Amino acid sequence: MQVGASFPTENRRQWVRERARREFEAARDERDPEQLEFLYRLGETQLETLQLQSQHLSRLFSLSQHQLANFTYEKRPEDGLD
């Protein structure tokens, strides 16, 4: 939930809170150890994704209008984008 608070807009912060709540509620009664392990790993992956999104969106929101108009993505070798 802490990563949700780091998003630059209230709309996105609320979306993260609601999604996390839905995910926890859906798994509330889960008892299968393998499924619990899967859900734990899935949650870790989703957390990493949210952290990256938060950093990216915070960076975009901190740019001035002029900077935003001239913003380009830097291609990095690890992106795998050709």
N, C-alpha and C. Protein backbone atom coordinates (compact mmCIF):
# COMPACT_ATOMS: atom_id res chain seq x y z
N MET A 1 0.81 -1.20 0.00
CA MET A 1 0.00 0.00 0.00
C MET A 1 0.86 1.26 0.00
N GLN A 2 2.08 1.17 0.52
CA GLN A 2 2.94 2.34 0.56
C GLN A 2 3.30 2.83 -0.83
N VAL A 3 3.52 1.91 -1.75
CA VAL A 3 3.86 2.33 -3.11
C VAL A 3 2.68 3.06 -3.74
N GLY A 4 1.47 2.70 -3.41
CA GLY A 4 0.30 3.38 -3.95
C GLY A 4 0.27 4.84 -3.56
N ALA A 5 0.74 5.16 -2.36
CA ALA A 5 0.75 6.55 -1.90
C ALA A 5 1.77 7.40 -2.63
N SER A 6 2.70 6.75 -3.35
CA SER A 6 3.74 7.52 -4.03
C SER A 6 3.34 7.95 -5.45
N PHE A 7 2.16 7.56 -5.90
CA PHE A 7 1.73 7.97 -7.24
C PHE A 7 1.35 9.45 -7.23
N PRO A 8 1.60 10.14 -8.35
CA PRO A 8 1.41 11.60 -8.37
C PRO A 8 -0.04 12.08 -8.44
N THR A 9 -0.99 11.20 -8.74
CA THR A 9 -2.38 11.65 -8.82
C THR A 9 -3.26 10.84 -7.87
N GLU A 10 -4.27 11.47 -7.35
CA GLU A 10 -5.19 10.82 -6.43
C GLU A 10 -5.92 9.68 -7.13
N ASN A 11 -6.26 9.86 -8.39
CA ASN A 11 -6.97 8.83 -9.15
C ASN A 11 -6.15 7.55 -9.19
N ARG A 12 -4.87 7.67 -9.47
CA ARG A 12 -4.00 6.49 -9.55
C ARG A 12 -3.78 5.89 -8.16
N ARG A 13 -3.62 6.73 -7.14
CA ARG A 13 -3.46 6.22 -5.78
C ARG A 13 -4.68 5.40 -5.37
N GLN A 14 -5.86 5.90 -5.68
CA GLN A 14 -7.10 5.20 -5.34
C GLN A 14 -7.20 3.88 -6.11
N TRP A 15 -6.82 3.89 -7.38
CA TRP A 15 -6.87 2.67 -8.19
C TRP A 15 -5.97 1.59 -7.59
N VAL A 16 -4.77 1.97 -7.15
CA VAL A 16 -3.84 1.00 -6.57
C VAL A 16 -4.42 0.43 -5.28
N ARG A 17 -4.98 1.29 -4.42
CA ARG A 17 -5.59 0.82 -3.17
C ARG A 17 -6.73 -0.16 -3.44
N GLU A 18 -7.61 0.21 -4.37
CA GLU A 18 -8.76 -0.64 -4.67
C GLU A 18 -8.35 -1.98 -5.28
N ARG A 19 -7.36 -1.93 -6.15
CA ARG A 19 -6.90 -3.18 -6.77
C ARG A 19 -6.28 -4.10 -5.72
N ALA A 20 -5.46 -3.55 -4.85
CA ALA A 20 -4.83 -4.36 -3.79
C ALA A 20 -5.90 -4.97 -2.89
N ARG A 21 -6.90 -4.19 -2.55
CA ARG A 21 -7.98 -4.68 -1.69
C ARG A 21 -8.72 -5.84 -2.38
N ARG A 22 -9.02 -5.67 -3.68
CA ARG A 22 -9.71 -6.73 -4.43
C ARG A 22 -8.88 -8.01 -4.48
N GLU A 23 -7.58 -7.86 -4.71
CA GLU A 23 -6.69 -9.03 -4.79
C GLU A 23 -6.66 -9.77 -3.45
N PHE A 24 -6.54 -9.03 -2.36
CA PHE A 24 -6.52 -9.67 -1.04
C PHE A 24 -7.85 -10.33 -0.72
N GLU A 25 -8.93 -9.67 -1.04
CA GLU A 25 -10.26 -10.25 -0.78
C GLU A 25 -10.47 -11.52 -1.59
N ALA A 26 -10.00 -11.53 -2.83
CA ALA A 26 -10.19 -12.70 -3.69
C ALA A 26 -9.42 -13.91 -3.15
N ALA A 27 -8.33 -13.67 -2.45
CA ALA A 27 -7.50 -14.77 -1.94
C ALA A 27 -7.70 -15.01 -0.44
N ARG A 28 -8.66 -14.37 0.15
CA ARG A 28 -8.88 -14.44 1.59
C ARG A 28 -8.96 -15.88 2.13
N ASP A 29 -9.66 -16.73 1.44
CA ASP A 29 -9.90 -18.09 1.93
C ASP A 29 -8.95 -19.13 1.34
N GLU A 30 -7.96 -18.68 0.60
CA GLU A 30 -7.02 -19.61 -0.02
C GLU A 30 -6.19 -20.32 1.04
N ARG A 31 -6.08 -21.65 0.93
CA ARG A 31 -5.32 -22.44 1.91
C ARG A 31 -4.27 -23.32 1.27
N ASP A 32 -4.35 -23.49 -0.05
CA ASP A 32 -3.40 -24.34 -0.76
C ASP A 32 -2.01 -23.70 -0.76
N PRO A 33 -1.00 -24.37 -0.17
CA PRO A 33 0.34 -23.78 -0.08
C PRO A 33 0.94 -23.41 -1.43
N GLU A 34 0.72 -24.23 -2.45
CA GLU A 34 1.26 -23.91 -3.78
C GLU A 34 0.61 -22.66 -4.35
N GLN A 35 -0.69 -22.56 -4.19
CA GLN A 35 -1.40 -21.38 -4.69
C GLN A 35 -0.99 -20.13 -3.90
N LEU A 36 -0.81 -20.28 -2.60
CA LEU A 36 -0.36 -19.15 -1.79
C LEU A 36 1.03 -18.68 -2.22
N GLU A 37 1.91 -19.63 -2.51
CA GLU A 37 3.25 -19.28 -2.99
C GLU A 37 3.16 -18.54 -4.32
N PHE A 38 2.30 -19.04 -5.22
CA PHE A 38 2.09 -18.37 -6.50
C PHE A 38 1.58 -16.95 -6.29
N LEU A 39 0.59 -16.78 -5.44
CA LEU A 39 0.02 -15.46 -5.20
C LEU A 39 1.05 -14.52 -4.58
N TYR A 40 1.89 -15.04 -3.71
CA TYR A 40 2.95 -14.23 -3.09
C TYR A 40 3.92 -13.73 -4.16
N ARG A 41 4.36 -14.64 -5.02
CA ARG A 41 5.29 -14.25 -6.10
C ARG A 41 4.63 -13.28 -7.08
N LEU A 42 3.38 -13.51 -7.38
CA LEU A 42 2.64 -12.60 -8.25
C LEU A 42 2.56 -11.21 -7.61
N GLY A 43 2.30 -11.17 -6.32
CA GLY A 43 2.24 -9.89 -5.61
C GLY A 43 3.57 -9.16 -5.64
N GLU A 44 4.67 -9.91 -5.49
CA GLU A 44 5.99 -9.28 -5.56
C GLU A 44 6.24 -8.67 -6.94
N THR A 45 5.85 -9.40 -7.98
CA THR A 45 6.01 -8.90 -9.35
C THR A 45 5.16 -7.66 -9.58
N GLN A 46 3.93 -7.69 -9.10
CA GLN A 46 3.05 -6.53 -9.26
C GLN A 46 3.59 -5.32 -8.48
N LEU A 47 4.17 -5.57 -7.32
CA LEU A 47 4.76 -4.49 -6.53
C LEU A 47 5.91 -3.84 -7.27
N GLU A 48 6.78 -4.64 -7.86
CA GLU A 48 7.89 -4.09 -8.63
C GLU A 48 7.39 -3.26 -9.80
N THR A 49 6.34 -3.74 -10.46
CA THR A 49 5.76 -3.01 -11.58
C THR A 49 5.20 -1.67 -11.12
N LEU A 50 4.49 -1.68 -10.00
CA LEU A 50 3.92 -0.44 -9.47
C LEU A 50 5.00 0.54 -9.06
N GLN A 51 6.10 0.04 -8.51
CA GLN A 51 7.19 0.93 -8.12
C GLN A 51 7.78 1.61 -9.35
N LEU A 52 7.97 0.86 -10.44
CA LEU A 52 8.49 1.45 -11.67
C LEU A 52 7.51 2.46 -12.26
N GLN A 53 6.23 2.11 -12.25
CA GLN A 53 5.21 3.04 -12.77
C GLN A 53 5.19 4.33 -11.95
N SER A 54 5.29 4.20 -10.65
CA SER A 54 5.26 5.36 -9.77
C SER A 54 6.44 6.28 -10.07
N GLN A 55 7.62 5.69 -10.22
CA GLN A 55 8.80 6.50 -10.54
C GLN A 55 8.64 7.20 -11.88
N HIS A 56 8.17 6.47 -12.87
CA HIS A 56 7.99 7.03 -14.21
C HIS A 56 6.96 8.16 -14.21
N LEU A 57 5.81 7.90 -13.62
CA LEU A 57 4.76 8.93 -13.61
C LEU A 57 5.17 10.15 -12.79
N SER A 58 5.86 9.94 -11.69
CA SER A 58 6.32 11.07 -10.88
C SER A 58 7.30 11.92 -11.67
N ARG A 59 8.15 11.25 -12.44
CA ARG A 59 9.10 11.99 -13.29
C ARG A 59 8.35 12.80 -14.35
N LEU A 60 7.37 12.18 -15.00
CA LEU A 60 6.61 12.90 -16.02
C LEU A 60 5.85 14.08 -15.43
N PHE A 61 5.25 13.89 -14.26
CA PHE A 61 4.47 14.96 -13.66
C PHE A 61 5.35 16.10 -13.15
N SER A 62 6.63 15.82 -12.93
CA SER A 62 7.53 16.87 -12.44
C SER A 62 8.10 17.71 -13.57
N LEU A 63 7.91 17.27 -14.82
CA LEU A 63 8.43 18.03 -15.95
C LEU A 63 7.57 19.26 -16.22
N SER A 64 8.21 20.32 -16.65
CA SER A 64 7.46 21.52 -17.04
C SER A 64 6.76 21.23 -18.37
N GLN A 65 5.84 22.08 -18.77
CA GLN A 65 5.14 21.90 -20.03
C GLN A 65 6.11 21.89 -21.21
N HIS A 66 7.12 22.77 -21.18
CA HIS A 66 8.12 22.81 -22.24
C HIS A 66 8.91 21.51 -22.29
N GLN A 67 9.33 21.04 -21.13
CA GLN A 67 10.08 19.78 -21.08
C GLN A 67 9.21 18.63 -21.56
N LEU A 68 7.95 18.65 -21.17
CA LEU A 68 7.04 17.57 -21.54
C LEU A 68 6.82 17.55 -23.05
N ALA A 69 6.71 18.72 -23.66
CA ALA A 69 6.50 18.79 -25.10
C ALA A 69 7.70 18.23 -25.86
N ASN A 70 8.88 18.33 -25.29
CA ASN A 70 10.10 17.86 -25.94
C ASN A 70 10.62 16.55 -25.35
N PHE A 71 9.79 15.88 -24.56
CA PHE A 71 10.21 14.65 -23.88
C PHE A 71 10.35 13.51 -24.89
N THR A 72 11.44 12.80 -24.80
CA THR A 72 11.63 11.59 -25.61
C THR A 72 12.14 10.49 -24.70
N TYR A 73 11.78 9.29 -25.04
CA TYR A 73 12.26 8.14 -24.29
C TYR A 73 13.68 7.81 -24.74
N GLU A 74 14.52 7.52 -23.79
CA GLU A 74 15.87 7.09 -24.13
C GLU A 74 15.85 5.59 -24.34
N LYS A 75 16.36 5.17 -25.47
CA LYS A 75 16.43 3.74 -25.75
C LYS A 75 17.63 3.17 -25.00
N ARG A 76 17.35 2.15 -24.18
CA ARG A 76 18.42 1.48 -23.45
C ARG A 76 18.57 0.07 -23.99
N PRO A 77 19.78 -0.45 -24.02
CA PRO A 77 19.99 -1.80 -24.58
C PRO A 77 19.14 -2.87 -23.91
N GLU A 78 18.91 -2.77 -22.61
CA GLU A 78 18.14 -3.81 -21.93
C GLU A 78 16.65 -3.74 -22.23
N ASP A 79 16.18 -2.67 -22.89
CA ASP A 79 14.77 -2.57 -23.24
C ASP A 79 14.37 -3.65 -24.26
N GLY A 80 15.33 -4.03 -25.12
CA GLY A 80 15.02 -5.00 -26.16
C GLY A 80 14.14 -4.43 -27.25
N LEU A 81 14.04 -3.10 -27.31
CA LEU A 81 13.23 -2.45 -28.33
C LEU A 81 14.12 -2.11 -29.53
N ASP A 82 13.71 -2.52 -30.67
CA ASP A 82 14.49 -2.22 -31.88
C ASP A 82 13.75 -1.27 -32.78
